[in-house]
Amino acid sequence: MTEQELADQKTAIRAAAHAARKAQADKEAVSARITDRVMEMPSYQSAGSVMWYVDVRDEVRTRHALPAALAQGKRVIVPYCVDGELELFHLESMDELEVGMYRILEPRADLRDVESKRIAPEQLDFVMVPGVAFDRTGGRTGHGKGYYDKLLQHARPDAPLVALAFECQLFDEIPMQPHDIYMDAIVTEAAVYPGRGRGDG
């Protein structure tokens, strides 16, 4: 498959996944089943520092789960975007989030430069990742900008990379390129699908 054919295939998959995700019924309830399933995973329960993403648009909802994670004593980390790169923020209270310029809930600007709030990817014990489309071997595609791929390259090999997805976002195969990173697991409302992980990516 040529680079152009691969790019065209990914574009078609993204379009189909966006439409399916937008049409997903009962997003709040289905998302709660997904996040409950994640929080029951032994690797999550044993992790100290966990990276949650804060959902945007039609992604699997996560913000309902953040207070529970904080109450459990987890060191909750959330990513935010600065100049095309993802930075990591240590979240200690929901009051530390505000609606940003794109109506996205993100860490307050006045706290981002506080040294104790800045986290390196190597400090993460468990990493949750959004995405547009996935397959049952851990293949993933996002919006095509590579934000998460860049971040995940620096995650520790022993820190599980876990994608949260609706079943409607699963496809037979996501075309993967050498720089793409396979997930260790895909968690949906129906199941936890073990992924290839970085060892075979």
N, C-alpha and C. Protein backbone atom coordinates (compact mmCIF):
# COMPACT_ATOMS: atom_id res chain seq x y z
N MET A 1 0.84 -1.19 0.00
CA MET A 1 0.00 0.00 0.00
C MET A 1 0.88 1.25 0.00
N THR A 2 0.61 2.18 -0.90
CA THR A 2 1.40 3.41 -0.96
C THR A 2 1.02 4.33 0.20
N GLU A 3 1.88 5.33 0.44
CA GLU A 3 1.60 6.29 1.50
C GLU A 3 0.26 6.99 1.25
N GLN A 4 -0.01 7.33 -0.02
CA GLN A 4 -1.25 8.02 -0.35
C GLN A 4 -2.46 7.12 -0.12
N GLU A 5 -2.34 5.87 -0.50
CA GLU A 5 -3.45 4.93 -0.29
C GLU A 5 -3.73 4.75 1.21
N LEU A 6 -2.64 4.66 1.98
CA LEU A 6 -2.79 4.51 3.43
C LEU A 6 -3.46 5.74 4.03
N ALA A 7 -3.03 6.93 3.57
CA ALA A 7 -3.62 8.17 4.07
C ALA A 7 -5.10 8.25 3.70
N ASP A 8 -5.43 7.85 2.47
CA ASP A 8 -6.83 7.88 2.03
C ASP A 8 -7.69 6.92 2.85
N GLN A 9 -7.11 5.75 3.16
CA GLN A 9 -7.85 4.76 3.95
C GLN A 9 -8.11 5.28 5.36
N LYS A 10 -7.09 5.92 5.95
CA LYS A 10 -7.27 6.49 7.29
C LYS A 10 -8.32 7.59 7.28
N THR A 11 -8.30 8.41 6.24
CA THR A 11 -9.28 9.49 6.13
C THR A 11 -10.70 8.93 6.08
N ALA A 12 -10.88 7.87 5.30
CA ALA A 12 -12.21 7.25 5.18
C ALA A 12 -12.65 6.64 6.51
N ILE A 13 -11.71 5.99 7.21
CA ILE A 13 -12.03 5.39 8.51
C ILE A 13 -12.40 6.48 9.52
N ARG A 14 -11.63 7.58 9.52
CA ARG A 14 -11.93 8.68 10.45
C ARG A 14 -13.33 9.24 10.20
N ALA A 15 -13.68 9.41 8.93
CA ALA A 15 -15.00 9.96 8.59
C ALA A 15 -16.11 9.04 9.09
N ALA A 16 -15.94 7.74 8.87
CA ALA A 16 -16.95 6.77 9.32
C ALA A 16 -17.03 6.75 10.84
N ALA A 17 -15.88 6.82 11.50
CA ALA A 17 -15.86 6.78 12.97
C ALA A 17 -16.48 8.04 13.57
N HIS A 18 -16.18 9.19 12.98
CA HIS A 18 -16.78 10.44 13.46
C HIS A 18 -18.30 10.37 13.40
N ALA A 19 -18.81 9.88 12.27
CA ALA A 19 -20.27 9.78 12.10
C ALA A 19 -20.87 8.82 13.11
N ALA A 20 -20.22 7.68 13.31
CA ALA A 20 -20.73 6.67 14.25
C ALA A 20 -20.69 7.20 15.68
N ARG A 21 -19.60 7.87 16.02
CA ARG A 21 -19.45 8.40 17.38
C ARG A 21 -20.48 9.50 17.66
N LYS A 22 -20.71 10.33 16.66
CA LYS A 22 -21.70 11.41 16.82
C LYS A 22 -23.10 10.84 17.05
N ALA A 23 -23.39 9.71 16.39
CA ALA A 23 -24.72 9.09 16.49
C ALA A 23 -24.88 8.20 17.72
N GLN A 24 -23.80 8.00 18.46
CA GLN A 24 -23.87 7.12 19.64
C GLN A 24 -24.94 7.60 20.62
N ALA A 25 -25.86 6.73 20.96
CA ALA A 25 -26.92 7.07 21.91
C ALA A 25 -26.43 6.95 23.35
N ASP A 26 -27.07 7.70 24.24
CA ASP A 26 -26.80 7.59 25.68
C ASP A 26 -25.32 7.71 26.00
N LYS A 27 -24.67 8.72 25.45
CA LYS A 27 -23.22 8.86 25.63
C LYS A 27 -22.80 8.87 27.10
N GLU A 28 -23.59 9.57 27.94
CA GLU A 28 -23.20 9.68 29.35
C GLU A 28 -23.22 8.31 30.04
N ALA A 29 -24.31 7.57 29.84
CA ALA A 29 -24.45 6.26 30.50
C ALA A 29 -23.46 5.25 29.95
N VAL A 30 -23.27 5.25 28.64
CA VAL A 30 -22.33 4.31 28.03
C VAL A 30 -20.91 4.65 28.46
N SER A 31 -20.59 5.94 28.49
CA SER A 31 -19.26 6.36 28.94
C SER A 31 -19.00 5.92 30.38
N ALA A 32 -20.02 6.02 31.22
CA ALA A 32 -19.86 5.60 32.62
C ALA A 32 -19.53 4.12 32.71
N ARG A 33 -20.13 3.31 31.85
CA ARG A 33 -19.80 1.88 31.85
C ARG A 33 -18.34 1.67 31.45
N ILE A 34 -17.88 2.47 30.50
CA ILE A 34 -16.49 2.34 30.03
C ILE A 34 -15.52 2.75 31.13
N THR A 35 -15.75 3.90 31.75
CA THR A 35 -14.81 4.35 32.79
C THR A 35 -14.87 3.45 34.01
N ASP A 36 -16.04 2.91 34.34
CA ASP A 36 -16.12 1.93 35.44
C ASP A 36 -15.25 0.72 35.13
N ARG A 37 -15.31 0.28 33.89
CA ARG A 37 -14.52 -0.90 33.48
C ARG A 37 -13.02 -0.61 33.61
N VAL A 38 -12.63 0.60 33.23
CA VAL A 38 -11.22 0.98 33.37
C VAL A 38 -10.80 0.96 34.83
N MET A 39 -11.63 1.55 35.68
CA MET A 39 -11.27 1.68 37.09
C MET A 39 -11.27 0.35 37.83
N GLU A 40 -11.83 -0.67 37.20
CA GLU A 40 -11.78 -2.03 37.77
C GLU A 40 -10.55 -2.80 37.33
N MET A 41 -9.80 -2.27 36.37
CA MET A 41 -8.61 -2.98 35.89
C MET A 41 -7.54 -3.01 36.99
N PRO A 42 -6.94 -4.17 37.24
CA PRO A 42 -5.89 -4.24 38.27
C PRO A 42 -4.75 -3.26 38.03
N SER A 43 -4.38 -3.04 36.77
CA SER A 43 -3.27 -2.13 36.47
C SER A 43 -3.64 -0.69 36.81
N TYR A 44 -4.92 -0.36 36.73
CA TYR A 44 -5.37 0.98 37.15
C TYR A 44 -5.36 1.07 38.67
N GLN A 45 -5.89 0.04 39.32
CA GLN A 45 -6.01 0.08 40.77
C GLN A 45 -4.65 0.14 41.46
N SER A 46 -3.63 -0.43 40.83
CA SER A 46 -2.30 -0.43 41.44
C SER A 46 -1.48 0.80 41.07
N ALA A 47 -1.99 1.61 40.14
CA ALA A 47 -1.23 2.77 39.66
C ALA A 47 -1.37 3.94 40.62
N GLY A 48 -0.29 4.70 40.78
CA GLY A 48 -0.33 5.91 41.59
C GLY A 48 -0.70 7.12 40.75
N SER A 49 0.09 7.36 39.70
CA SER A 49 -0.15 8.50 38.80
C SER A 49 -0.88 8.02 37.56
N VAL A 50 -2.10 8.53 37.35
CA VAL A 50 -2.90 8.09 36.21
C VAL A 50 -3.23 9.29 35.33
N MET A 51 -3.05 9.13 34.03
CA MET A 51 -3.39 10.20 33.10
C MET A 51 -4.78 9.95 32.54
N TRP A 52 -5.70 10.84 32.89
CA TRP A 52 -7.02 10.89 32.27
C TRP A 52 -6.97 11.99 31.22
N TYR A 53 -7.74 11.87 30.16
CA TYR A 53 -7.95 13.02 29.28
C TYR A 53 -9.28 13.66 29.67
N VAL A 54 -9.45 14.93 29.37
CA VAL A 54 -10.73 15.61 29.59
C VAL A 54 -11.46 15.61 28.26
N ASP A 55 -12.63 14.97 28.23
CA ASP A 55 -13.31 14.73 26.95
C ASP A 55 -13.70 16.03 26.24
N VAL A 56 -13.64 15.98 24.91
CA VAL A 56 -14.12 17.06 24.06
C VAL A 56 -15.04 16.46 23.00
N ARG A 57 -15.97 17.28 22.52
CA ARG A 57 -16.90 16.88 21.47
C ARG A 57 -17.54 15.52 21.76
N ASP A 58 -17.35 14.55 20.86
CA ASP A 58 -18.07 13.28 20.98
C ASP A 58 -17.21 12.15 21.56
N GLU A 59 -16.09 12.49 22.20
CA GLU A 59 -15.25 11.46 22.80
C GLU A 59 -15.97 10.77 23.96
N VAL A 60 -15.49 9.59 24.33
CA VAL A 60 -15.99 8.94 25.55
C VAL A 60 -15.84 9.93 26.70
N ARG A 61 -16.93 10.16 27.40
CA ARG A 61 -16.93 11.13 28.50
C ARG A 61 -16.05 10.64 29.65
N THR A 62 -15.28 11.57 30.20
CA THR A 62 -14.41 11.22 31.33
C THR A 62 -14.59 12.15 32.52
N ARG A 63 -15.09 13.34 32.29
CA ARG A 63 -15.07 14.34 33.39
C ARG A 63 -15.88 13.90 34.60
N HIS A 64 -16.89 13.04 34.38
CA HIS A 64 -17.68 12.52 35.52
C HIS A 64 -16.82 11.63 36.42
N ALA A 65 -15.76 11.04 35.85
CA ALA A 65 -14.93 10.08 36.61
C ALA A 65 -13.79 10.76 37.35
N LEU A 66 -13.46 11.99 36.99
CA LEU A 66 -12.31 12.65 37.61
C LEU A 66 -12.48 12.85 39.12
N PRO A 67 -13.65 13.31 39.60
CA PRO A 67 -13.80 13.44 41.06
C PRO A 67 -13.63 12.11 41.79
N ALA A 68 -14.12 11.02 41.21
CA ALA A 68 -13.97 9.71 41.84
C ALA A 68 -12.51 9.30 41.90
N ALA A 69 -11.77 9.57 40.83
CA ALA A 69 -10.34 9.24 40.81
C ALA A 69 -9.60 10.05 41.87
N LEU A 70 -9.95 11.32 42.00
CA LEU A 70 -9.32 12.16 43.03
C LEU A 70 -9.66 11.65 44.42
N ALA A 71 -10.92 11.25 44.61
CA ALA A 71 -11.36 10.76 45.93
C ALA A 71 -10.66 9.45 46.30
N GLN A 72 -10.27 8.67 45.29
CA GLN A 72 -9.55 7.42 45.54
C GLN A 72 -8.10 7.65 45.95
N GLY A 73 -7.65 8.89 45.86
CA GLY A 73 -6.27 9.19 46.20
C GLY A 73 -5.31 9.04 45.04
N LYS A 74 -5.85 8.90 43.83
CA LYS A 74 -4.98 8.82 42.66
C LYS A 74 -4.32 10.19 42.41
N ARG A 75 -3.11 10.14 41.90
CA ARG A 75 -2.47 11.37 41.40
C ARG A 75 -2.96 11.54 39.97
N VAL A 76 -3.94 12.41 39.79
CA VAL A 76 -4.62 12.55 38.51
C VAL A 76 -3.88 13.57 37.64
N ILE A 77 -3.52 13.14 36.44
CA ILE A 77 -2.82 13.98 35.48
C ILE A 77 -3.71 14.17 34.26
N VAL A 78 -3.79 15.41 33.75
CA VAL A 78 -4.57 15.65 32.54
C VAL A 78 -3.69 16.39 31.53
N PRO A 79 -3.85 16.07 30.24
CA PRO A 79 -3.08 16.76 29.21
C PRO A 79 -3.80 18.01 28.72
N TYR A 80 -3.04 18.95 28.22
CA TYR A 80 -3.60 20.12 27.54
C TYR A 80 -2.63 20.52 26.43
N CYS A 81 -3.13 21.21 25.44
CA CYS A 81 -2.34 21.50 24.24
C CYS A 81 -1.77 22.92 24.27
N VAL A 82 -0.48 23.03 23.99
CA VAL A 82 0.19 24.32 23.87
C VAL A 82 1.06 24.28 22.62
N ASP A 83 0.75 25.14 21.67
CA ASP A 83 1.55 25.24 20.44
C ASP A 83 1.77 23.88 19.77
N GLY A 84 0.71 23.09 19.69
CA GLY A 84 0.79 21.82 18.99
C GLY A 84 1.44 20.69 19.77
N GLU A 85 1.74 20.92 21.05
CA GLU A 85 2.33 19.87 21.89
C GLU A 85 1.44 19.66 23.11
N LEU A 86 1.40 18.43 23.60
CA LEU A 86 0.65 18.14 24.82
C LEU A 86 1.54 18.32 26.04
N GLU A 87 1.07 19.11 26.99
CA GLU A 87 1.72 19.27 28.29
C GLU A 87 0.87 18.53 29.32
N LEU A 88 1.48 18.19 30.45
CA LEU A 88 0.78 17.43 31.49
C LEU A 88 0.63 18.25 32.76
N PHE A 89 -0.55 18.15 33.38
CA PHE A 89 -0.90 18.96 34.54
C PHE A 89 -1.39 18.05 35.67
N HIS A 90 -0.88 18.28 36.88
CA HIS A 90 -1.32 17.53 38.06
C HIS A 90 -2.59 18.18 38.59
N LEU A 91 -3.71 17.49 38.43
CA LEU A 91 -5.02 18.01 38.84
C LEU A 91 -5.33 17.55 40.26
N GLU A 92 -5.58 18.52 41.15
CA GLU A 92 -5.89 18.18 42.54
C GLU A 92 -7.32 18.54 42.92
N SER A 93 -8.00 19.30 42.06
CA SER A 93 -9.39 19.69 42.31
C SER A 93 -10.04 20.05 40.98
N MET A 94 -11.32 19.78 40.85
CA MET A 94 -12.03 20.15 39.62
C MET A 94 -12.06 21.67 39.44
N ASP A 95 -11.86 22.42 40.53
CA ASP A 95 -11.82 23.88 40.44
C ASP A 95 -10.60 24.38 39.68
N GLU A 96 -9.64 23.49 39.45
CA GLU A 96 -8.43 23.88 38.72
C GLU A 96 -8.62 23.82 37.21
N LEU A 97 -9.82 23.45 36.76
CA LEU A 97 -10.13 23.43 35.33
C LEU A 97 -11.02 24.62 34.99
N GLU A 98 -10.85 25.15 33.78
CA GLU A 98 -11.69 26.24 33.29
C GLU A 98 -11.97 26.02 31.81
N VAL A 99 -12.99 26.68 31.31
CA VAL A 99 -13.32 26.58 29.89
C VAL A 99 -12.37 27.50 29.12
N GLY A 100 -11.60 26.91 28.20
CA GLY A 100 -10.63 27.67 27.43
C GLY A 100 -11.22 28.33 26.20
N MET A 101 -10.34 28.84 25.35
CA MET A 101 -10.79 29.65 24.22
C MET A 101 -11.56 28.83 23.18
N TYR A 102 -11.35 27.54 23.13
CA TYR A 102 -12.10 26.70 22.19
C TYR A 102 -13.25 25.97 22.88
N ARG A 103 -13.67 26.50 24.04
CA ARG A 103 -14.74 25.89 24.84
C ARG A 103 -14.38 24.49 25.31
N ILE A 104 -13.08 24.28 25.48
CA ILE A 104 -12.56 23.00 25.98
C ILE A 104 -12.19 23.19 27.45
N LEU A 105 -12.59 22.24 28.28
CA LEU A 105 -12.23 22.30 29.69
C LEU A 105 -10.75 21.94 29.83
N GLU A 106 -9.97 22.85 30.41
CA GLU A 106 -8.52 22.65 30.50
C GLU A 106 -7.99 23.30 31.78
N PRO A 107 -6.73 22.97 32.15
CA PRO A 107 -6.16 23.54 33.37
C PRO A 107 -6.13 25.07 33.33
N ARG A 108 -6.38 25.68 34.47
CA ARG A 108 -6.38 27.13 34.56
C ARG A 108 -5.02 27.69 34.17
N ALA A 109 -5.04 28.77 33.41
CA ALA A 109 -3.80 29.37 32.90
C ALA A 109 -2.87 29.81 34.02
N ASP A 110 -3.44 30.28 35.14
CA ASP A 110 -2.61 30.80 36.23
C ASP A 110 -1.90 29.71 37.01
N LEU A 111 -2.25 28.45 36.76
CA LEU A 111 -1.63 27.34 37.49
C LEU A 111 -0.63 26.55 36.66
N ARG A 112 -0.61 26.78 35.36
CA ARG A 112 0.17 25.91 34.47
C ARG A 112 1.68 25.99 34.70
N ASP A 113 2.16 27.13 35.17
CA ASP A 113 3.60 27.28 35.37
C ASP A 113 4.04 26.96 36.79
N VAL A 114 3.10 26.56 37.64
CA VAL A 114 3.46 26.15 39.00
C VAL A 114 4.25 24.84 38.90
N GLU A 115 5.45 24.83 39.46
CA GLU A 115 6.36 23.70 39.26
C GLU A 115 5.75 22.37 39.68
N SER A 116 5.03 22.36 40.80
CA SER A 116 4.46 21.10 41.29
C SER A 116 3.33 20.58 40.41
N LYS A 117 2.84 21.42 39.51
CA LYS A 117 1.75 21.02 38.62
C LYS A 117 2.25 20.44 37.30
N ARG A 118 3.51 20.68 36.99
CA ARG A 118 4.06 20.23 35.71
C ARG A 118 4.60 18.81 35.85
N ILE A 119 4.16 17.93 34.96
CA ILE A 119 4.48 16.51 35.07
C ILE A 119 5.15 16.04 33.78
N ALA A 120 6.14 15.17 33.92
CA ALA A 120 6.79 14.57 32.75
C ALA A 120 6.11 13.24 32.42
N PRO A 121 6.04 12.87 31.14
CA PRO A 121 5.39 11.61 30.76
C PRO A 121 5.98 10.39 31.46
N GLU A 122 7.27 10.45 31.77
CA GLU A 122 7.94 9.33 32.43
C GLU A 122 7.40 9.06 33.84
N GLN A 123 6.66 10.02 34.39
CA GLN A 123 6.12 9.86 35.75
C GLN A 123 4.77 9.13 35.77
N LEU A 124 4.21 8.87 34.60
CA LEU A 124 2.89 8.26 34.53
C LEU A 124 2.95 6.75 34.75
N ASP A 125 2.02 6.23 35.55
CA ASP A 125 1.93 4.78 35.79
C ASP A 125 0.86 4.11 34.93
N PHE A 126 -0.09 4.90 34.44
CA PHE A 126 -1.23 4.37 33.68
C PHE A 126 -1.72 5.52 32.81
N VAL A 127 -1.90 5.26 31.52
CA VAL A 127 -2.19 6.33 30.57
C VAL A 127 -3.47 6.03 29.80
N MET A 128 -4.46 6.93 29.90
CA MET A 128 -5.69 6.78 29.13
C MET A 128 -5.65 7.71 27.92
N VAL A 129 -6.07 7.17 26.78
CA VAL A 129 -5.91 7.87 25.51
C VAL A 129 -7.25 7.91 24.77
N PRO A 130 -7.63 9.08 24.24
CA PRO A 130 -8.79 9.12 23.36
C PRO A 130 -8.37 8.79 21.94
N GLY A 131 -9.29 8.83 21.02
CA GLY A 131 -8.96 8.59 19.62
C GLY A 131 -10.22 8.61 18.79
N VAL A 132 -10.04 8.50 17.49
CA VAL A 132 -11.18 8.54 16.58
C VAL A 132 -11.63 7.13 16.22
N ALA A 133 -10.67 6.25 15.91
CA ALA A 133 -11.01 4.88 15.50
C ALA A 133 -9.94 3.93 16.00
N PHE A 134 -10.37 2.67 16.23
CA PHE A 134 -9.48 1.66 16.80
C PHE A 134 -9.78 0.30 16.17
N ASP A 135 -8.84 -0.64 16.37
CA ASP A 135 -9.16 -2.04 16.05
C ASP A 135 -8.90 -2.88 17.30
N ARG A 136 -9.23 -4.16 17.21
CA ARG A 136 -9.17 -5.01 18.40
C ARG A 136 -7.77 -5.55 18.70
N THR A 137 -6.76 -5.07 17.98
CA THR A 137 -5.37 -5.44 18.29
C THR A 137 -4.61 -4.27 18.92
N GLY A 138 -5.33 -3.17 19.18
CA GLY A 138 -4.67 -2.00 19.77
C GLY A 138 -4.32 -0.93 18.77
N GLY A 139 -4.65 -1.14 17.50
CA GLY A 139 -4.43 -0.10 16.50
C GLY A 139 -5.30 1.11 16.79
N ARG A 140 -4.75 2.29 16.56
CA ARG A 140 -5.45 3.54 16.89
C ARG A 140 -5.14 4.60 15.85
N THR A 141 -6.13 5.43 15.56
CA THR A 141 -5.87 6.66 14.82
C THR A 141 -6.61 7.80 15.50
N GLY A 142 -5.94 8.94 15.57
CA GLY A 142 -6.55 10.13 16.13
C GLY A 142 -7.00 11.05 15.01
N HIS A 143 -6.80 12.34 15.23
CA HIS A 143 -7.22 13.32 14.22
C HIS A 143 -6.15 13.54 13.15
N GLY A 144 -5.01 12.87 13.30
CA GLY A 144 -3.98 12.98 12.28
C GLY A 144 -2.90 14.01 12.58
N LYS A 145 -2.98 14.62 13.76
CA LYS A 145 -1.98 15.65 14.11
C LYS A 145 -0.82 15.08 14.92
N GLY A 146 -0.97 13.88 15.45
CA GLY A 146 0.14 13.22 16.14
C GLY A 146 0.41 13.70 17.55
N TYR A 147 -0.53 14.46 18.15
CA TYR A 147 -0.29 14.97 19.51
C TYR A 147 0.00 13.85 20.50
N TYR A 148 -0.85 12.85 20.51
CA TYR A 148 -0.69 11.77 21.49
C TYR A 148 0.49 10.87 21.14
N ASP A 149 0.74 10.65 19.84
CA ASP A 149 1.90 9.83 19.45
C ASP A 149 3.19 10.43 20.01
N LYS A 150 3.33 11.75 19.92
CA LYS A 150 4.54 12.41 20.43
C LYS A 150 4.66 12.22 21.94
N LEU A 151 3.54 12.40 22.63
CA LEU A 151 3.55 12.26 24.09
C LEU A 151 3.85 10.82 24.51
N LEU A 152 3.21 9.87 23.85
CA LEU A 152 3.31 8.46 24.26
C LEU A 152 4.69 7.88 24.01
N GLN A 153 5.45 8.48 23.10
CA GLN A 153 6.82 8.01 22.87
C GLN A 153 7.67 8.13 24.13
N HIS A 154 7.27 9.02 25.04
CA HIS A 154 8.05 9.26 26.25
C HIS A 154 7.49 8.55 27.48
N ALA A 155 6.38 7.84 27.31
CA ALA A 155 5.82 7.10 28.45
C ALA A 155 6.69 5.89 28.77
N ARG A 156 6.73 5.52 30.03
CA ARG A 156 7.52 4.35 30.43
C ARG A 156 6.97 3.09 29.78
N PRO A 157 7.85 2.15 29.40
CA PRO A 157 7.38 0.90 28.78
C PRO A 157 6.44 0.09 29.66
N ASP A 158 6.57 0.24 30.99
CA ASP A 158 5.72 -0.54 31.89
C ASP A 158 4.41 0.17 32.24
N ALA A 159 4.19 1.37 31.70
CA ALA A 159 2.94 2.10 31.96
C ALA A 159 1.93 1.74 30.87
N PRO A 160 0.84 1.05 31.22
CA PRO A 160 -0.12 0.63 30.19
C PRO A 160 -0.74 1.82 29.47
N LEU A 161 -0.85 1.69 28.14
CA LEU A 161 -1.54 2.68 27.31
C LEU A 161 -2.92 2.12 27.02
N VAL A 162 -3.95 2.77 27.53
CA VAL A 162 -5.31 2.24 27.46
C VAL A 162 -6.22 3.24 26.75
N ALA A 163 -6.80 2.81 25.64
CA ALA A 163 -7.71 3.67 24.89
C ALA A 163 -9.14 3.45 25.34
N LEU A 164 -9.90 4.53 25.42
CA LEU A 164 -11.32 4.48 25.76
C LEU A 164 -12.12 4.71 24.48
N ALA A 165 -13.06 3.82 24.18
CA ALA A 165 -13.79 3.91 22.92
C ALA A 165 -15.19 3.34 23.05
N PHE A 166 -16.09 3.87 22.25
CA PHE A 166 -17.39 3.23 22.07
C PHE A 166 -17.20 2.07 21.09
N GLU A 167 -18.01 1.04 21.23
CA GLU A 167 -17.93 -0.10 20.30
C GLU A 167 -18.04 0.35 18.84
N CYS A 168 -18.82 1.40 18.60
CA CYS A 168 -19.02 1.87 17.23
C CYS A 168 -17.76 2.46 16.62
N GLN A 169 -16.72 2.68 17.43
CA GLN A 169 -15.45 3.20 16.92
C GLN A 169 -14.47 2.10 16.53
N LEU A 170 -14.87 0.84 16.68
CA LEU A 170 -13.99 -0.28 16.36
C LEU A 170 -14.14 -0.69 14.90
N PHE A 171 -13.00 -0.89 14.23
CA PHE A 171 -12.96 -1.31 12.84
C PHE A 171 -12.14 -2.59 12.73
N ASP A 172 -12.26 -3.28 11.61
CA ASP A 172 -11.52 -4.54 11.42
C ASP A 172 -10.02 -4.32 11.52
N GLU A 173 -9.54 -3.26 10.90
CA GLU A 173 -8.10 -2.99 10.95
C GLU A 173 -7.84 -1.51 10.72
N ILE A 174 -7.02 -0.93 11.59
CA ILE A 174 -6.55 0.44 11.40
C ILE A 174 -5.19 0.36 10.72
N PRO A 175 -5.01 0.98 9.56
CA PRO A 175 -3.69 0.96 8.92
C PRO A 175 -2.68 1.72 9.78
N MET A 176 -1.62 1.04 10.15
CA MET A 176 -0.63 1.62 11.05
C MET A 176 0.68 1.88 10.32
N GLN A 177 1.31 3.01 10.63
CA GLN A 177 2.62 3.36 10.09
C GLN A 177 3.68 3.15 11.17
N PRO A 178 4.96 3.13 10.77
CA PRO A 178 6.01 2.82 11.75
C PRO A 178 5.99 3.72 13.00
N HIS A 179 5.60 4.98 12.85
CA HIS A 179 5.61 5.88 14.01
C HIS A 179 4.36 5.76 14.86
N ASP A 180 3.35 5.04 14.38
CA ASP A 180 2.11 4.88 15.14
C ASP A 180 2.32 3.91 16.31
N ILE A 181 1.61 4.14 17.38
CA ILE A 181 1.80 3.37 18.61
C ILE A 181 0.56 2.53 18.90
N TYR A 182 0.78 1.23 19.07
CA TYR A 182 -0.32 0.33 19.45
C TYR A 182 -0.64 0.47 20.93
N MET A 183 -1.92 0.40 21.25
CA MET A 183 -2.36 0.46 22.63
C MET A 183 -2.17 -0.91 23.31
N ASP A 184 -2.04 -0.88 24.63
CA ASP A 184 -1.98 -2.13 25.40
C ASP A 184 -3.37 -2.71 25.61
N ALA A 185 -4.39 -1.85 25.55
CA ALA A 185 -5.77 -2.32 25.68
C ALA A 185 -6.71 -1.27 25.10
N ILE A 186 -7.84 -1.75 24.57
CA ILE A 186 -8.94 -0.89 24.16
C ILE A 186 -10.12 -1.24 25.06
N VAL A 187 -10.67 -0.26 25.76
CA VAL A 187 -11.78 -0.51 26.67
C VAL A 187 -13.05 0.12 26.09
N THR A 188 -14.07 -0.71 25.89
CA THR A 188 -15.36 -0.23 25.41
C THR A 188 -16.44 -0.60 26.43
N GLU A 189 -17.68 -0.24 26.10
CA GLU A 189 -18.79 -0.61 26.98
C GLU A 189 -19.02 -2.11 27.02
N ALA A 190 -18.46 -2.84 26.04
CA ALA A 190 -18.72 -4.28 25.94
C ALA A 190 -17.58 -5.15 26.47
N ALA A 191 -16.34 -4.66 26.38
CA ALA A 191 -15.21 -5.54 26.69
C ALA A 191 -13.92 -4.75 26.86
N VAL A 192 -12.91 -5.46 27.37
CA VAL A 192 -11.53 -4.98 27.34
C VAL A 192 -10.79 -5.82 26.31
N TYR A 193 -10.31 -5.20 25.26
CA TYR A 193 -9.61 -5.91 24.19
C TYR A 193 -8.10 -5.74 24.39
N PRO A 194 -7.37 -6.83 24.64
CA PRO A 194 -5.92 -6.71 24.79
C PRO A 194 -5.28 -6.26 23.48
N GLY A 195 -4.37 -5.30 23.56
CA GLY A 195 -3.70 -4.81 22.37
C GLY A 195 -2.28 -5.33 22.25
N ARG A 196 -1.67 -5.09 21.10
CA ARG A 196 -0.29 -5.53 20.87
C ARG A 196 0.70 -4.77 21.73
N GLY A 197 0.37 -3.52 22.05
CA GLY A 197 1.29 -2.72 22.84
C GLY A 197 2.51 -2.30 22.04
N ARG A 198 3.44 -1.67 22.73
CA ARG A 198 4.60 -1.10 22.03
C ARG A 198 5.64 -2.14 21.64
N GLY A 199 5.58 -3.31 22.24
CA GLY A 199 6.58 -4.32 21.91
C GLY A 199 6.54 -4.77 20.47
N ASP A 200 5.34 -4.75 19.86
CA ASP A 200 5.19 -5.21 18.48
C ASP A 200 4.87 -4.07 17.53
N GLY A 201 4.85 -2.85 18.04
CA GLY A 201 4.41 -1.73 17.22
C GLY A 201 5.43 -1.28 16.23
